[in-house]
């Protein structure tokens, strides 16, 4: 899969949904596997801005999604 630039919760939620569907598992099945409630999974997939970071990271890990953080290069002014 190509890397996706995540700039908002809606995009993150859509990517989580795509990954889940690619694995051919339902939200209910994912809920049973992760212990995260189905309504919480639904709200995360819809891009809920106040979703708990820990739950989102757990879903990413359980769906095989790697998160990479890139920092801007620091330019020294000497």
PDB file of N, CA and C in Angstrom:
ATOM      1  N   UNK A   1       0.827  -1.192   0.000  1.00  0.00           N
ATOM      2  CA  UNK A   1       0.000   0.000   0.000  1.00  0.00           C
ATOM      3  C   UNK A   1       0.867   1.250   0.000  1.00  0.00           C
ATOM      4  N   UNK A   2       0.369   2.247  -0.643  1.00  0.00           N
ATOM      5  CA  UNK A   2       1.071   3.532  -0.686  1.00  0.00           C
ATOM      6  C   UNK A   2       0.882   4.272   0.638  1.00  0.00           C
ATOM      7  N   UNK A   3       1.881   5.029   1.070  1.00  0.00           N
ATOM      8  CA  UNK A   3       1.719   5.836   2.279  1.00  0.00           C
ATOM      9  C   UNK A   3       0.620   6.872   2.072  1.00  0.00           C
ATOM     10  N   UNK A   4      -0.087   7.166   3.133  1.00  0.00           N
ATOM     11  CA  UNK A   4      -1.168   8.148   3.089  1.00  0.00           C
ATOM     12  C   UNK A   4      -0.841   9.241   4.092  1.00  0.00           C
ATOM     13  N   UNK A   5      -0.919  10.470   3.660  1.00  0.00           N
ATOM     14  CA  UNK A   5      -0.699  11.598   4.558  1.00  0.00           C
ATOM     15  C   UNK A   5      -1.990  11.841   5.331  1.00  0.00           C
ATOM     16  N   UNK A   6      -1.937  11.695   6.627  1.00  0.00           N
ATOM     17  CA  UNK A   6      -3.098  11.904   7.485  1.00  0.00           C
ATOM     18  C   UNK A   6      -3.030  13.328   8.024  1.00  0.00           C
ATOM     19  N   UNK A   7      -4.018  14.128   7.657  1.00  0.00           N
ATOM     20  CA  UNK A   7      -4.032  15.519   8.097  1.00  0.00           C
ATOM     21  C   UNK A   7      -5.226  15.845   8.983  1.00  0.00           C
ATOM     22  N   UNK A   8      -6.152  14.888   9.118  1.00  0.00           N
ATOM     23  CA  UNK A   8      -7.317  15.120   9.965  1.00  0.00           C
ATOM     24  C   UNK A   8      -7.914  13.791  10.402  1.00  0.00           C
ATOM     25  N   UNK A   9      -8.824  13.859  11.353  1.00  0.00           N
ATOM     26  CA  UNK A   9      -9.404  12.637  11.903  1.00  0.00           C
ATOM     27  C   UNK A   9     -10.297  11.919  10.896  1.00  0.00           C
ATOM     28  N   UNK A  10     -10.902  12.644   9.984  1.00  0.00           N
ATOM     29  CA  UNK A  10     -11.747  12.009   8.966  1.00  0.00           C
ATOM     30  C   UNK A  10     -10.916  11.110   8.053  1.00  0.00           C
ATOM     31  N   UNK A  11      -9.752  11.582   7.660  1.00  0.00           N
ATOM     32  CA  UNK A  11      -8.868  10.785   6.805  1.00  0.00           C
ATOM     33  C   UNK A  11      -8.357   9.568   7.560  1.00  0.00           C
ATOM     34  N   UNK A  12      -7.976   9.752   8.816  1.00  0.00           N
ATOM     35  CA  UNK A  12      -7.509   8.634   9.629  1.00  0.00           C
ATOM     36  C   UNK A  12      -8.608   7.588   9.766  1.00  0.00           C
ATOM     37  N   UNK A  13      -9.809   8.025  10.063  1.00  0.00           N
ATOM     38  CA  UNK A  13     -10.932   7.105  10.200  1.00  0.00           C
ATOM     39  C   UNK A  13     -11.212   6.347   8.918  1.00  0.00           C
ATOM     40  N   UNK A  14     -11.153   7.047   7.792  1.00  0.00           N
ATOM     41  CA  UNK A  14     -11.388   6.401   6.496  1.00  0.00           C
ATOM     42  C   UNK A  14     -10.320   5.353   6.209  1.00  0.00           C
ATOM     43  N   UNK A  15      -9.082   5.630   6.564  1.00  0.00           N
ATOM     44  CA  UNK A  15      -8.000   4.665   6.340  1.00  0.00           C
ATOM     45  C   UNK A  15      -8.156   3.443   7.254  1.00  0.00           C
ATOM     46  N   UNK A  16      -8.589   3.674   8.481  1.00  0.00           N
ATOM     47  CA  UNK A  16      -8.851   2.547   9.375  1.00  0.00           C
ATOM     48  C   UNK A  16      -9.967   1.671   8.807  1.00  0.00           C
ATOM     49  N   UNK A  17     -11.015   2.298   8.301  1.00  0.00           N
ATOM     50  CA  UNK A  17     -12.125   1.556   7.699  1.00  0.00           C
ATOM     51  C   UNK A  17     -11.646   0.742   6.497  1.00  0.00           C
ATOM     52  N   UNK A  18     -10.837   1.380   5.636  1.00  0.00           N
ATOM     53  CA  UNK A  18     -10.305   0.669   4.459  1.00  0.00           C
ATOM     54  C   UNK A  18      -9.483  -0.552   4.876  1.00  0.00           C
ATOM     55  N   UNK A  19      -8.650  -0.381   5.885  1.00  0.00           N
ATOM     56  CA  UNK A  19      -7.813  -1.490   6.348  1.00  0.00           C
ATOM     57  C   UNK A  19      -8.678  -2.618   6.904  1.00  0.00           C
ATOM     58  N   UNK A  20      -9.693  -2.261   7.680  1.00  0.00           N
ATOM     59  CA  UNK A  20     -10.582  -3.278   8.249  1.00  0.00           C
ATOM     60  C   UNK A  20     -11.294  -4.041   7.147  1.00  0.00           C
ATOM     61  N   UNK A  21     -11.813  -3.308   6.171  1.00  0.00           N
ATOM     62  CA  UNK A  21     -12.530  -3.959   5.072  1.00  0.00           C
ATOM     63  C   UNK A  21     -11.595  -4.805   4.216  1.00  0.00           C
ATOM     64  N   UNK A  22     -10.354  -4.366   4.046  1.00  0.00           N
ATOM     65  CA  UNK A  22      -9.380  -5.152   3.278  1.00  0.00           C
ATOM     66  C   UNK A  22      -9.096  -6.487   3.966  1.00  0.00           C
ATOM     67  N   UNK A  23      -9.184  -6.486   5.293  1.00  0.00           N
ATOM     68  CA  UNK A  23      -8.996  -7.712   6.059  1.00  0.00           C
ATOM     69  C   UNK A  23     -10.276  -8.540   6.124  1.00  0.00           C
ATOM     70  N   UNK A  24     -11.349  -7.981   5.570  1.00  0.00           N
ATOM     71  CA  UNK A  24     -12.658  -8.659   5.516  1.00  0.00           C
ATOM     72  C   UNK A  24     -13.184  -9.008   6.907  1.00  0.00           C
ATOM     73  N   UNK A  25     -13.077  -8.018   7.808  1.00  0.00           N
ATOM     74  CA  UNK A  25     -13.666  -8.210   9.129  1.00  0.00           C
ATOM     75  C   UNK A  25     -14.668  -7.092   9.386  1.00  0.00           C
ATOM     76  N   UNK A  26     -15.708  -7.424  10.110  1.00  0.00           N
ATOM     77  CA  UNK A  26     -16.744  -6.447  10.426  1.00  0.00           C
ATOM     78  C   UNK A  26     -16.337  -5.632  11.646  1.00  0.00           C
ATOM     79  N   UNK A  27     -17.058  -4.557  11.886  1.00  0.00           N
ATOM     80  CA  UNK A  27     -16.797  -3.776  13.089  1.00  0.00           C
ATOM     81  C   UNK A  27     -17.046  -4.628  14.330  1.00  0.00           C
ATOM     82  N   UNK A  28     -18.060  -5.481  14.277  1.00  0.00           N
ATOM     83  CA  UNK A  28     -18.354  -6.365  15.407  1.00  0.00           C
ATOM     84  C   UNK A  28     -17.224  -7.342  15.682  1.00  0.00           C
ATOM     85  N   UNK A  29     -16.674  -7.912  14.613  1.00  0.00           N
ATOM     86  CA  UNK A  29     -15.546  -8.838  14.772  1.00  0.00           C
ATOM     87  C   UNK A  29     -14.320  -8.115  15.325  1.00  0.00           C
ATOM     88  N   UNK A  30     -14.080  -6.913  14.819  1.00  0.00           N
ATOM     89  CA  UNK A  30     -12.946  -6.127  15.307  1.00  0.00           C
ATOM     90  C   UNK A  30     -13.139  -5.783  16.784  1.00  0.00           C
ATOM     91  N   UNK A  31     -14.370  -5.497  17.149  1.00  0.00           N
ATOM     92  CA  UNK A  31     -14.681  -5.205  18.543  1.00  0.00           C
ATOM     93  C   UNK A  31     -14.352  -6.395  19.434  1.00  0.00           C
ATOM     94  N   UNK A  32     -14.737  -7.574  19.007  1.00  0.00           N
ATOM     95  CA  UNK A  32     -14.439  -8.779  19.786  1.00  0.00           C
ATOM     96  C   UNK A  32     -12.937  -9.033  19.882  1.00  0.00           C
ATOM     97  N   UNK A  33     -12.213  -8.770  18.805  1.00  0.00           N
ATOM     98  CA  UNK A  33     -10.762  -9.009  18.779  1.00  0.00           C
ATOM     99  C   UNK A  33      -9.996  -8.019  19.649  1.00  0.00           C
ATOM    100  N   UNK A  34     -10.477  -6.776  19.689  1.00  0.00           N
ATOM    101  CA  UNK A  34      -9.721  -5.712  20.354  1.00  0.00           C
ATOM    102  C   UNK A  34     -10.227  -5.349  21.741  1.00  0.00           C
ATOM    103  N   UNK A  35     -11.486  -5.670  22.020  1.00  0.00           N
ATOM    104  CA  UNK A  35     -12.080  -5.241  23.280  1.00  0.00           C
ATOM    105  C   UNK A  35     -12.575  -3.805  23.234  1.00  0.00           C
ATOM    106  N   UNK A  36     -12.506  -3.188  22.061  1.00  0.00           N
ATOM    107  CA  UNK A  36     -13.015  -1.823  21.874  1.00  0.00           C
ATOM    108  C   UNK A  36     -14.458  -1.940  21.403  1.00  0.00           C
ATOM    109  N   UNK A  37     -15.355  -1.195  22.008  1.00  0.00           N
ATOM    110  CA  UNK A  37     -16.767  -1.339  21.669  1.00  0.00           C
ATOM    111  C   UNK A  37     -17.042  -0.969  20.211  1.00  0.00           C
ATOM    112  N   UNK A  38     -18.071  -1.595  19.659  1.00  0.00           N
ATOM    113  CA  UNK A  38     -18.445  -1.313  18.262  1.00  0.00           C
ATOM    114  C   UNK A  38     -18.813   0.158  18.071  1.00  0.00           C
ATOM    115  N   UNK A  39     -19.601   0.767  18.982  1.00  0.00           N
ATOM    116  CA  UNK A  39     -19.890   2.200  18.794  1.00  0.00           C
ATOM    117  C   UNK A  39     -18.629   3.069  18.775  1.00  0.00           C
ATOM    118  N   UNK A  40     -17.628   2.700  19.571  1.00  0.00           N
ATOM    119  CA  UNK A  40     -16.368   3.465  19.569  1.00  0.00           C
ATOM    120  C   UNK A  40     -15.654   3.289  18.237  1.00  0.00           C
ATOM    121  N   UNK A  41     -15.616   2.065  17.726  1.00  0.00           N
ATOM    122  CA  UNK A  41     -15.002   1.821  16.415  1.00  0.00           C
ATOM    123  C   UNK A  41     -15.737   2.608  15.341  1.00  0.00           C
ATOM    124  N   UNK A  42     -17.073   2.608  15.404  1.00  0.00           N
ATOM    125  CA  UNK A  42     -17.860   3.368  14.433  1.00  0.00           C
ATOM    126  C   UNK A  42     -17.511   4.852  14.479  1.00  0.00           C
ATOM    127  N   UNK A  43     -17.415   5.399  15.684  1.00  0.00           N
ATOM    128  CA  UNK A  43     -17.136   6.837  15.794  1.00  0.00           C
ATOM    129  C   UNK A  43     -15.720   7.173  15.330  1.00  0.00           C
ATOM    130  N   UNK A  44     -14.766   6.297  15.594  1.00  0.00           N
ATOM    131  CA  UNK A  44     -13.394   6.526  15.124  1.00  0.00           C
ATOM    132  C   UNK A  44     -13.359   6.487  13.600  1.00  0.00           C
ATOM    133  N   UNK A  45     -14.038   5.505  13.016  1.00  0.00           N
ATOM    134  CA  UNK A  45     -14.076   5.410  11.553  1.00  0.00           C
ATOM    135  C   UNK A  45     -14.792   6.604  10.915  1.00  0.00           C
ATOM    136  N   UNK A  46     -15.679   7.235  11.649  1.00  0.00           N
ATOM    137  CA  UNK A  46     -16.362   8.433  11.144  1.00  0.00           C
ATOM    138  C   UNK A  46     -15.535   9.699  11.382  1.00  0.00           C
ATOM    139  N   UNK A  47     -14.387   9.548  12.037  1.00  0.00           N
ATOM    140  CA  UNK A  47     -13.503  10.700  12.219  1.00  0.00           C
ATOM    141  C   UNK A  47     -13.749  11.508  13.463  1.00  0.00           C
ATOM    142  N   UNK A  48     -14.255  10.877  14.505  1.00  0.00           N
ATOM    143  CA  UNK A  48     -14.513  11.589  15.758  1.00  0.00           C
ATOM    144  C   UNK A  48     -13.237  12.260  16.254  1.00  0.00           C
ATOM    145  N   UNK A  49     -13.316  13.557  16.463  1.00  0.00           N
ATOM    146  CA  UNK A  49     -12.124  14.318  16.840  1.00  0.00           C
ATOM    147  C   UNK A  49     -11.701  14.103  18.284  1.00  0.00           C
ATOM    148  N   UNK A  50     -12.606  13.638  19.118  1.00  0.00           N
ATOM    149  CA  UNK A  50     -12.268  13.475  20.532  1.00  0.00           C
ATOM    150  C   UNK A  50     -12.004  12.019  20.911  1.00  0.00           C
ATOM    151  N   UNK A  51     -11.737  11.180  19.920  1.00  0.00           N
ATOM    152  CA  UNK A  51     -11.433   9.770  20.197  1.00  0.00           C
ATOM    153  C   UNK A  51     -10.147   9.678  21.005  1.00  0.00           C
ATOM    154  N   UNK A  52     -10.097   8.709  21.896  1.00  0.00           N
ATOM    155  CA  UNK A  52      -8.904   8.518  22.718  1.00  0.00           C
ATOM    156  C   UNK A  52      -7.739   8.038  21.853  1.00  0.00           C
ATOM    157  N   UNK A  53      -6.629   8.701  21.982  1.00  0.00           N
ATOM    158  CA  UNK A  53      -5.454   8.377  21.180  1.00  0.00           C
ATOM    159  C   UNK A  53      -5.036   6.926  21.388  1.00  0.00           C
ATOM    160  N   UNK A  54      -5.082   6.456  22.601  1.00  0.00           N
ATOM    161  CA  UNK A  54      -4.677   5.084  22.887  1.00  0.00           C
ATOM    162  C   UNK A  54      -5.531   4.064  22.139  1.00  0.00           C
ATOM    163  N   UNK A  55      -6.837   4.314  22.053  1.00  0.00           N
ATOM    164  CA  UNK A  55      -7.719   3.403  21.328  1.00  0.00           C
ATOM    165  C   UNK A  55      -7.443   3.441  19.833  1.00  0.00           C
ATOM    166  N   UNK A  56      -7.198   4.632  19.309  1.00  0.00           N
ATOM    167  CA  UNK A  56      -6.890   4.762  17.880  1.00  0.00           C
ATOM    168  C   UNK A  56      -5.584   4.032  17.564  1.00  0.00           C
ATOM    169  N   UNK A  57      -4.588   4.207  18.408  1.00  0.00           N
ATOM    170  CA  UNK A  57      -3.307   3.519  18.198  1.00  0.00           C
ATOM    171  C   UNK A  57      -3.470   2.008  18.299  1.00  0.00           C
ATOM    172  N   UNK A  58      -4.310   1.554  19.224  1.00  0.00           N
ATOM    173  CA  UNK A  58      -4.559   0.115  19.344  1.00  0.00           C
ATOM    174  C   UNK A  58      -5.213  -0.421  18.077  1.00  0.00           C
ATOM    175  N   UNK A  59      -6.201   0.300  17.553  1.00  0.00           N
ATOM    176  CA  UNK A  59      -6.839  -0.130  16.304  1.00  0.00           C
ATOM    177  C   UNK A  59      -5.819  -0.175  15.171  1.00  0.00           C
ATOM    178  N   UNK A  60      -4.977   0.848  15.081  1.00  0.00           N
ATOM    179  CA  UNK A  60      -3.951   0.861  14.040  1.00  0.00           C
ATOM    180  C   UNK A  60      -3.075  -0.375  14.152  1.00  0.00           C
ATOM    181  N   UNK A  61      -2.618  -0.671  15.342  1.00  0.00           N
ATOM    182  CA  UNK A  61      -1.744  -1.828  15.548  1.00  0.00           C
ATOM    183  C   UNK A  61      -2.471  -3.115  15.192  1.00  0.00           C
ATOM    184  N   UNK A  62      -3.698  -3.264  15.647  1.00  0.00           N
ATOM    185  CA  UNK A  62      -4.446  -4.500  15.397  1.00  0.00           C
ATOM    186  C   UNK A  62      -4.798  -4.680  13.922  1.00  0.00           C
ATOM    187  N   UNK A  63      -4.875  -3.579  13.180  1.00  0.00           N
ATOM    188  CA  UNK A  63      -5.171  -3.648  11.749  1.00  0.00           C
ATOM    189  C   UNK A  63      -3.903  -3.680  10.897  1.00  0.00           C
ATOM    190  N   UNK A  64      -2.743  -3.621  11.542  1.00  0.00           N
ATOM    191  CA  UNK A  64      -1.484  -3.681  10.810  1.00  0.00           C
ATOM    192  C   UNK A  64      -1.080  -2.363  10.178  1.00  0.00           C
ATOM    193  N   UNK A  65      -1.584  -1.275  10.720  1.00  0.00           N
ATOM    194  CA  UNK A  65      -1.256   0.049  10.196  1.00  0.00           C
ATOM    195  C   UNK A  65      -0.072   0.612  10.978  1.00  0.00           C
ATOM    196  N   UNK A  66       0.972   0.977  10.268  1.00  0.00           N
ATOM    197  CA  UNK A  66       2.141   1.587  10.902  1.00  0.00           C
ATOM    198  C   UNK A  66       1.997   3.102  10.837  1.00  0.00           C
ATOM    199  N   UNK A  67       2.344   3.739  11.913  1.00  0.00           N
ATOM    200  CA  UNK A  67       2.306   5.203  11.950  1.00  0.00           C
ATOM    201  C   UNK A  67       3.742   5.696  11.996  1.00  0.00           C
ATOM    202  N   UNK A  68       4.035   6.606  11.102  1.00  0.00           N
ATOM    203  CA  UNK A  68       5.378   7.173  11.025  1.00  0.00           C
ATOM    204  C   UNK A  68       5.273   8.669  11.266  1.00  0.00           C
ATOM    205  N   UNK A  69       6.135   9.185  12.110  1.00  0.00           N
ATOM    206  CA  UNK A  69       6.152  10.615  12.407  1.00  0.00           C
ATOM    207  C   UNK A  69       7.380  11.214  11.731  1.00  0.00           C
ATOM    208  N   UNK A  70       7.145  12.276  10.997  1.00  0.00           N
ATOM    209  CA  UNK A  70       8.262  12.965  10.347  1.00  0.00           C
ATOM    210  C   UNK A  70       8.341  14.383  10.887  1.00  0.00           C
ATOM    211  N   UNK A  71       9.520  14.745  11.299  1.00  0.00           N
ATOM    212  CA  UNK A  71       9.735  16.087  11.817  1.00  0.00           C
ATOM    213  C   UNK A  71      10.386  16.932  10.732  1.00  0.00           C
ATOM    214  N   UNK A  72      10.063  18.211  10.686  1.00  0.00           N
ATOM    215  CA  UNK A  72      10.725  19.078   9.700  1.00  0.00           C
ATOM    216  C   UNK A  72      12.208  19.178  10.025  1.00  0.00           C
ATOM    217  N   UNK A  73      12.998  19.329   8.975  1.00  0.00           N
ATOM    218  CA  UNK A  73      14.429  19.492   9.186  1.00  0.00           C
ATOM    219  C   UNK A  73      14.680  20.841   9.838  1.00  0.00           C
ATOM    220  N   UNK A  74      15.577  20.830  10.772  1.00  0.00           N
ATOM    221  CA  UNK A  74      15.920  22.069  11.462  1.00  0.00           C
ATOM    222  C   UNK A  74      17.099  22.696  10.736  1.00  0.00           C
ATOM    223  N   UNK A  75      16.922  23.929  10.349  1.00  0.00           N
ATOM    224  CA  UNK A  75      17.966  24.645   9.640  1.00  0.00           C
ATOM    225  C   UNK A  75      18.704  25.513  10.654  1.00  0.00           C
ATOM    226  N   UNK A  76      20.014  25.277  10.792  1.00  0.00           N
ATOM    227  CA  UNK A  76      20.768  26.079  11.745  1.00  0.00           C
ATOM    228  C   UNK A  76      21.110  27.426  11.092  1.00  0.00           C
ATOM    229  N   UNK A  77      21.062  28.430  11.926  1.00  0.00           N
ATOM    230  CA  UNK A  77      21.387  29.788  11.448  1.00  0.00           C
ATOM    231  C   UNK A  77      22.653  30.253  12.130  1.00  0.00           C
ATOM    232  N   UNK A  78      23.774  29.800  11.595  1.00  0.00           N
ATOM    233  CA  UNK A  78      25.059  30.155  12.207  1.00  0.00           C
ATOM    234  C   UNK A  78      25.684  31.303  11.508  1.00  0.00           C
TER     235      UNK A  78
END
